[in-house]
N, C-alpha and C. Protein backbone atom coordinates (compact mmCIF):
# COMPACT_ATOMS: atom_id res chain seq x y z
N MET A 1 -36.82 -15.97 -3.51
CA MET A 1 -36.12 -14.77 -3.93
C MET A 1 -36.27 -14.79 -5.36
N THR A 2 -36.82 -13.54 -5.72
CA THR A 2 -37.19 -13.15 -7.11
C THR A 2 -35.79 -13.04 -7.86
N LYS A 3 -35.86 -13.10 -9.09
CA LYS A 3 -34.82 -13.13 -10.10
C LYS A 3 -34.19 -11.89 -9.92
N SER A 4 -34.93 -10.66 -9.94
CA SER A 4 -34.47 -9.38 -9.78
C SER A 4 -33.72 -9.14 -8.37
N ASN A 5 -34.34 -9.57 -7.27
CA ASN A 5 -33.70 -9.70 -5.97
C ASN A 5 -32.34 -10.32 -5.97
N PHE A 6 -32.27 -11.40 -6.65
CA PHE A 6 -30.95 -12.13 -6.94
C PHE A 6 -30.13 -11.23 -7.63
N ILE A 7 -30.47 -10.67 -8.66
CA ILE A 7 -29.63 -9.79 -9.41
C ILE A 7 -29.02 -8.71 -8.46
N ALA A 8 -29.89 -8.04 -7.86
CA ALA A 8 -29.59 -6.92 -6.95
C ALA A 8 -28.54 -7.26 -5.93
N CYS A 9 -28.89 -8.33 -5.16
CA CYS A 9 -27.91 -9.10 -4.09
C CYS A 9 -26.49 -9.10 -4.76
N LEU A 10 -26.22 -9.81 -6.26
CA LEU A 10 -25.02 -9.91 -6.91
C LEU A 10 -24.20 -8.89 -6.77
N ILE A 11 -24.86 -7.62 -7.36
CA ILE A 11 -24.39 -6.56 -7.69
C ILE A 11 -23.89 -6.16 -6.34
N ALA A 12 -24.70 -6.18 -5.14
CA ALA A 12 -24.36 -5.52 -3.90
C ALA A 12 -22.92 -6.19 -3.49
N VAL A 13 -22.90 -7.42 -3.50
CA VAL A 13 -21.88 -8.11 -3.08
C VAL A 13 -20.52 -7.82 -3.87
N ALA A 14 -20.86 -7.78 -5.34
CA ALA A 14 -19.72 -7.56 -5.91
C ALA A 14 -18.98 -5.93 -5.83
N LEU A 15 -19.94 -5.19 -5.64
CA LEU A 15 -19.38 -3.69 -5.08
C LEU A 15 -18.74 -3.71 -3.67
N CYS A 16 -19.05 -4.48 -2.93
CA CYS A 16 -18.82 -4.65 -1.41
C CYS A 16 -17.23 -5.26 -1.87
N VAL A 17 -16.97 -6.20 -2.42
CA VAL A 17 -15.85 -6.91 -2.93
C VAL A 17 -14.90 -5.98 -3.46
N SER A 18 -15.49 -5.09 -4.56
CA SER A 18 -14.35 -4.26 -5.20
C SER A 18 -13.77 -3.12 -4.23
N ALA A 19 -15.02 -2.85 -3.29
CA ALA A 19 -14.58 -1.48 -2.43
C ALA A 19 -13.61 -2.06 -1.46
N GLY A 20 -13.77 -3.29 -0.91
CA GLY A 20 -12.65 -4.04 -0.04
C GLY A 20 -11.26 -4.05 -0.69
N SER A 21 -11.04 -4.48 -1.81
CA SER A 21 -9.84 -4.66 -2.47
C SER A 21 -9.23 -3.32 -2.53
N ALA A 22 -10.10 -2.55 -2.86
CA ALA A 22 -9.37 -1.33 -2.90
C ALA A 22 -8.72 -0.48 -1.76
N LEU A 23 -9.25 -1.12 -0.34
CA LEU A 23 -8.57 -0.61 0.77
C LEU A 23 -7.96 -1.53 1.56
N ALA A 24 -7.45 -2.58 0.86
CA ALA A 24 -6.93 -3.79 1.31
C ALA A 24 -5.56 -3.31 2.04
N GLY A 25 -5.01 -2.14 1.55
CA GLY A 25 -3.63 -1.66 2.07
C GLY A 25 -3.92 -1.09 3.57
N GLY A 26 -4.98 -0.76 4.03
CA GLY A 26 -5.17 -0.37 5.23
C GLY A 26 -6.47 0.84 5.59
N VAL A 27 -6.32 1.66 6.58
CA VAL A 27 -7.45 2.47 6.79
C VAL A 27 -7.46 3.69 5.74
N ILE A 28 -8.44 4.37 5.58
CA ILE A 28 -8.46 5.74 4.94
C ILE A 28 -8.03 7.04 5.81
N VAL A 29 -7.34 7.70 5.22
CA VAL A 29 -6.58 8.62 6.43
C VAL A 29 -7.14 10.03 5.56
N LYS A 30 -7.58 10.91 6.49
CA LYS A 30 -8.04 12.25 5.91
C LYS A 30 -6.87 13.25 5.58
N VAL A 31 -5.82 12.97 6.18
CA VAL A 31 -4.62 13.71 6.19
C VAL A 31 -3.78 13.18 5.06
N ARG A 32 -3.26 14.25 4.05
CA ARG A 32 -2.47 13.91 3.02
C ARG A 32 -0.97 13.68 3.49
N PRO A 33 -0.36 12.65 2.96
CA PRO A 33 0.95 12.29 3.39
C PRO A 33 2.17 13.23 3.14
N PRO A 34 3.04 13.51 3.74
CA PRO A 34 4.04 14.69 3.36
C PRO A 34 4.89 13.99 2.30
N ALA A 35 5.53 14.97 1.57
CA ALA A 35 6.48 14.39 0.69
C ALA A 35 7.32 13.55 0.73
N ALA A 36 7.85 12.52 0.32
CA ALA A 36 8.60 11.46 0.61
C ALA A 36 10.08 12.35 0.96
N ARG A 37 10.72 11.68 1.94
CA ARG A 37 12.25 12.19 2.49
C ARG A 37 13.17 11.90 1.54
N LYS A 38 14.08 12.60 1.48
CA LYS A 38 15.45 12.09 0.56
C LYS A 38 16.28 11.30 1.47
N GLU A 39 16.56 10.13 1.05
CA GLU A 39 17.27 9.44 1.91
C GLU A 39 18.68 9.18 1.45
N VAL A 40 19.45 8.94 2.34
CA VAL A 40 20.88 8.63 2.21
C VAL A 40 20.92 7.06 2.28
N ILE A 41 21.27 6.50 0.69
CA ILE A 41 21.23 5.06 0.85
C ILE A 41 22.66 4.68 0.87
N ILE A 42 23.03 3.74 1.78
CA ILE A 42 24.40 3.47 2.01
C ILE A 42 24.90 2.07 0.99
N ALA A 43 26.01 1.91 0.91
CA ALA A 43 26.41 0.92 0.14
C ALA A 43 25.53 -0.45 0.00
N ARG A 44 25.38 -0.79 -0.92
CA ARG A 44 24.85 -2.23 -1.23
C ARG A 44 25.58 -3.41 -0.41
N PRO A 45 25.00 -4.11 0.56
CA PRO A 45 25.75 -5.18 1.49
C PRO A 45 26.15 -6.22 0.65
N HIS A 46 25.31 -6.59 -0.38
CA HIS A 46 25.50 -7.64 -1.04
C HIS A 46 24.92 -7.55 -2.74
N SER A 47 25.21 -8.06 -3.70
CA SER A 47 24.85 -7.95 -5.22
C SER A 47 23.52 -8.50 -5.18
N HIS A 48 23.12 -9.30 -4.28
CA HIS A 48 21.72 -9.57 -4.55
C HIS A 48 20.66 -8.86 -3.38
N SER A 49 21.22 -7.70 -2.99
CA SER A 49 20.28 -6.77 -1.78
C SER A 49 19.32 -6.15 -2.82
N VAL A 50 18.37 -5.59 -2.36
CA VAL A 50 17.52 -4.79 -2.81
C VAL A 50 16.89 -3.62 -2.00
N TRP A 51 17.12 -2.47 -2.58
CA TRP A 51 16.67 -1.37 -1.81
C TRP A 51 15.05 -1.20 -1.43
N ILE A 52 14.46 -1.16 -0.43
CA ILE A 52 13.22 -0.88 -0.15
C ILE A 52 13.24 0.60 0.57
N GLY A 53 12.60 1.26 -0.26
CA GLY A 53 12.54 3.04 -0.05
C GLY A 53 11.98 3.11 1.24
N GLY A 54 12.01 4.19 1.99
CA GLY A 54 11.38 4.50 3.03
C GLY A 54 9.95 5.24 2.49
N HIS A 55 9.11 5.39 3.58
CA HIS A 55 7.71 5.85 3.57
C HIS A 55 7.01 6.46 4.83
N TRP A 56 6.02 7.25 4.62
CA TRP A 56 5.09 7.44 5.44
C TRP A 56 4.11 6.47 5.97
N ARG A 57 3.84 6.21 7.42
CA ARG A 57 2.92 5.41 7.75
C ARG A 57 2.09 5.90 8.70
N TRP A 58 0.80 5.78 8.84
CA TRP A 58 -0.12 6.43 9.57
C TRP A 58 -0.10 5.93 11.15
N ASN A 59 0.09 7.00 11.98
CA ASN A 59 0.05 6.54 13.21
C ASN A 59 -1.45 6.84 13.96
N ALA A 60 -2.17 5.93 14.03
CA ALA A 60 -3.39 6.35 14.56
C ALA A 60 -3.61 6.84 16.22
N ARG A 61 -2.46 6.52 16.74
CA ARG A 61 -2.22 7.03 18.22
C ARG A 61 -2.18 8.49 18.15
N THR A 62 -1.03 9.04 17.44
CA THR A 62 -0.88 10.39 17.54
C THR A 62 -1.71 10.98 16.21
N GLN A 63 -2.26 10.72 15.62
CA GLN A 63 -2.85 11.10 14.69
C GLN A 63 -2.21 11.84 13.52
N SER A 64 -0.84 11.18 13.03
CA SER A 64 0.18 11.91 12.43
C SER A 64 0.91 10.67 11.37
N HIS A 65 1.29 11.21 10.56
CA HIS A 65 2.38 10.36 9.70
C HIS A 65 3.61 10.09 10.15
N ASP A 66 4.31 8.97 10.14
CA ASP A 66 5.73 8.78 10.90
C ASP A 66 6.74 8.05 9.96
N TRP A 67 7.89 8.65 9.73
CA TRP A 67 8.67 8.12 8.78
C TRP A 67 9.27 6.76 8.96
N VAL A 68 8.93 5.82 8.26
CA VAL A 68 9.54 4.51 8.44
C VAL A 68 11.03 4.64 7.32
N PRO A 69 12.20 4.53 7.86
CA PRO A 69 13.15 4.66 6.92
C PRO A 69 13.24 3.44 5.94
N GLY A 70 14.26 3.70 4.94
CA GLY A 70 14.36 2.47 3.82
C GLY A 70 15.57 1.67 4.34
N LYS A 71 15.30 0.57 3.82
CA LYS A 71 16.46 -0.60 4.10
C LYS A 71 17.00 -1.50 2.89
N TRP A 72 17.90 -2.10 3.33
CA TRP A 72 18.38 -3.10 2.37
C TRP A 72 17.81 -4.59 2.73
N VAL A 73 17.21 -5.29 1.75
CA VAL A 73 16.60 -6.61 1.99
C VAL A 73 17.20 -7.39 0.93
N ASN A 74 17.35 -8.92 1.22
CA ASN A 74 17.60 -9.86 0.20
C ASN A 74 16.44 -9.87 -0.91
N GLY A 75 17.14 -9.94 -2.12
CA GLY A 75 16.13 -10.07 -3.20
C GLY A 75 15.66 -11.34 -3.29
N ARG A 76 14.61 -11.51 -4.21
CA ARG A 76 13.76 -12.82 -4.34
C ARG A 76 14.30 -13.08 -5.96
N LYS A 77 14.79 -14.21 -6.11
CA LYS A 77 15.07 -14.57 -7.48
C LYS A 77 13.72 -14.86 -8.25
N GLY A 78 13.64 -14.21 -9.24
CA GLY A 78 12.51 -14.20 -10.35
C GLY A 78 11.62 -12.97 -10.16
N PHE A 79 11.77 -12.32 -9.08
CA PHE A 79 10.76 -11.27 -8.32
C PHE A 79 11.38 -9.81 -8.52
N VAL A 80 10.57 -8.78 -8.70
CA VAL A 80 10.86 -7.43 -8.50
C VAL A 80 10.27 -6.95 -7.29
N TRP A 81 10.90 -5.78 -6.67
CA TRP A 81 10.10 -5.17 -5.53
C TRP A 81 9.34 -4.03 -6.18
N VAL A 82 8.03 -4.03 -5.72
CA VAL A 82 7.04 -2.92 -6.24
C VAL A 82 6.79 -1.86 -5.01
N SER A 83 7.31 -0.88 -5.02
CA SER A 83 7.28 -0.06 -4.03
C SER A 83 6.00 0.29 -3.36
N GLY A 84 5.63 0.62 -2.14
CA GLY A 84 4.31 0.91 -1.79
C GLY A 84 3.98 2.29 -2.04
N ARG A 85 2.93 2.71 -1.87
CA ARG A 85 2.71 4.22 -2.26
C ARG A 85 1.12 4.58 -1.52
N TRP A 86 0.82 6.14 -1.43
CA TRP A 86 -0.26 6.48 -0.99
C TRP A 86 -1.04 6.65 -2.33
N LYS A 87 -2.33 6.19 -2.07
CA LYS A 87 -3.43 6.60 -3.07
C LYS A 87 -4.52 7.40 -2.75
N GLU A 88 -5.00 8.50 -3.58
CA GLU A 88 -5.88 9.17 -3.03
C GLU A 88 -7.36 8.63 -3.60
N THR A 89 -8.11 8.57 -2.47
CA THR A 89 -9.26 8.11 -2.70
C THR A 89 -10.45 9.05 -2.60
N ARG A 90 -11.79 8.83 -2.87
CA ARG A 90 -13.05 9.79 -2.43
C ARG A 90 -12.85 10.18 -0.96
N GLY A 91 -12.55 9.28 -0.16
CA GLY A 91 -12.68 9.64 1.09
C GLY A 91 -11.51 10.07 1.90
N GLY A 92 -10.31 10.04 1.40
CA GLY A 92 -9.03 10.44 1.69
C GLY A 92 -7.94 9.83 1.34
N TRP A 93 -6.94 9.22 2.10
CA TRP A 93 -5.84 8.61 1.33
C TRP A 93 -5.66 7.32 2.10
N VAL A 94 -5.14 6.27 1.18
CA VAL A 94 -4.93 4.86 1.70
C VAL A 94 -3.39 4.57 1.24
N TYR A 95 -2.67 3.68 2.05
CA TYR A 95 -1.51 3.45 1.68
C TYR A 95 -1.67 1.83 1.21
N ILE A 96 -0.91 1.63 0.02
CA ILE A 96 -1.00 0.53 -0.65
C ILE A 96 0.29 -0.18 -0.49
N GLU A 97 0.60 -1.27 0.55
CA GLU A 97 1.83 -1.74 0.66
C GLU A 97 2.67 -2.22 -0.22
N GLY A 98 3.99 -2.31 -0.21
CA GLY A 98 4.89 -2.71 -1.20
C GLY A 98 4.77 -4.17 -1.30
N HIS A 99 5.29 -4.77 -2.27
CA HIS A 99 5.01 -5.95 -2.26
C HIS A 99 6.06 -6.62 -3.45
N TRP A 100 6.59 -8.12 -3.52
CA TRP A 100 7.14 -8.57 -4.46
C TRP A 100 6.39 -9.10 -5.55
N SER A 101 6.75 -9.13 -6.79
CA SER A 101 5.93 -9.50 -8.00
C SER A 101 6.73 -10.03 -8.88
N LYS A 102 6.19 -11.24 -9.41
CA LYS A 102 7.09 -11.87 -10.54
C LYS A 102 7.36 -11.12 -11.63
N LYS A 103 8.57 -11.47 -12.08
CA LYS A 103 9.38 -10.48 -13.55
C LYS A 103 8.26 -10.78 -14.68
């Protein structure tokens, strides 16, 4: 393999890896998600509880968005919850899952 072919291969691999990481949250959806619903948040069950807000999830079977209601979960010491979100891409919309992140 020539040096220029090797460099071209490295660039191609880097582009594939970066594209894959952008789509790690799931499939690209052509339909824009609806606005988030207003939720009634019930009383916090424990002082260490963290509210995970509801979100729209794509239903491939029905080709529509389904609402996933929010819920209280046990917090993780030293971590904060980063909410999931829909991100617009060139090809449509992709959902980036919520996750715990170190403080």
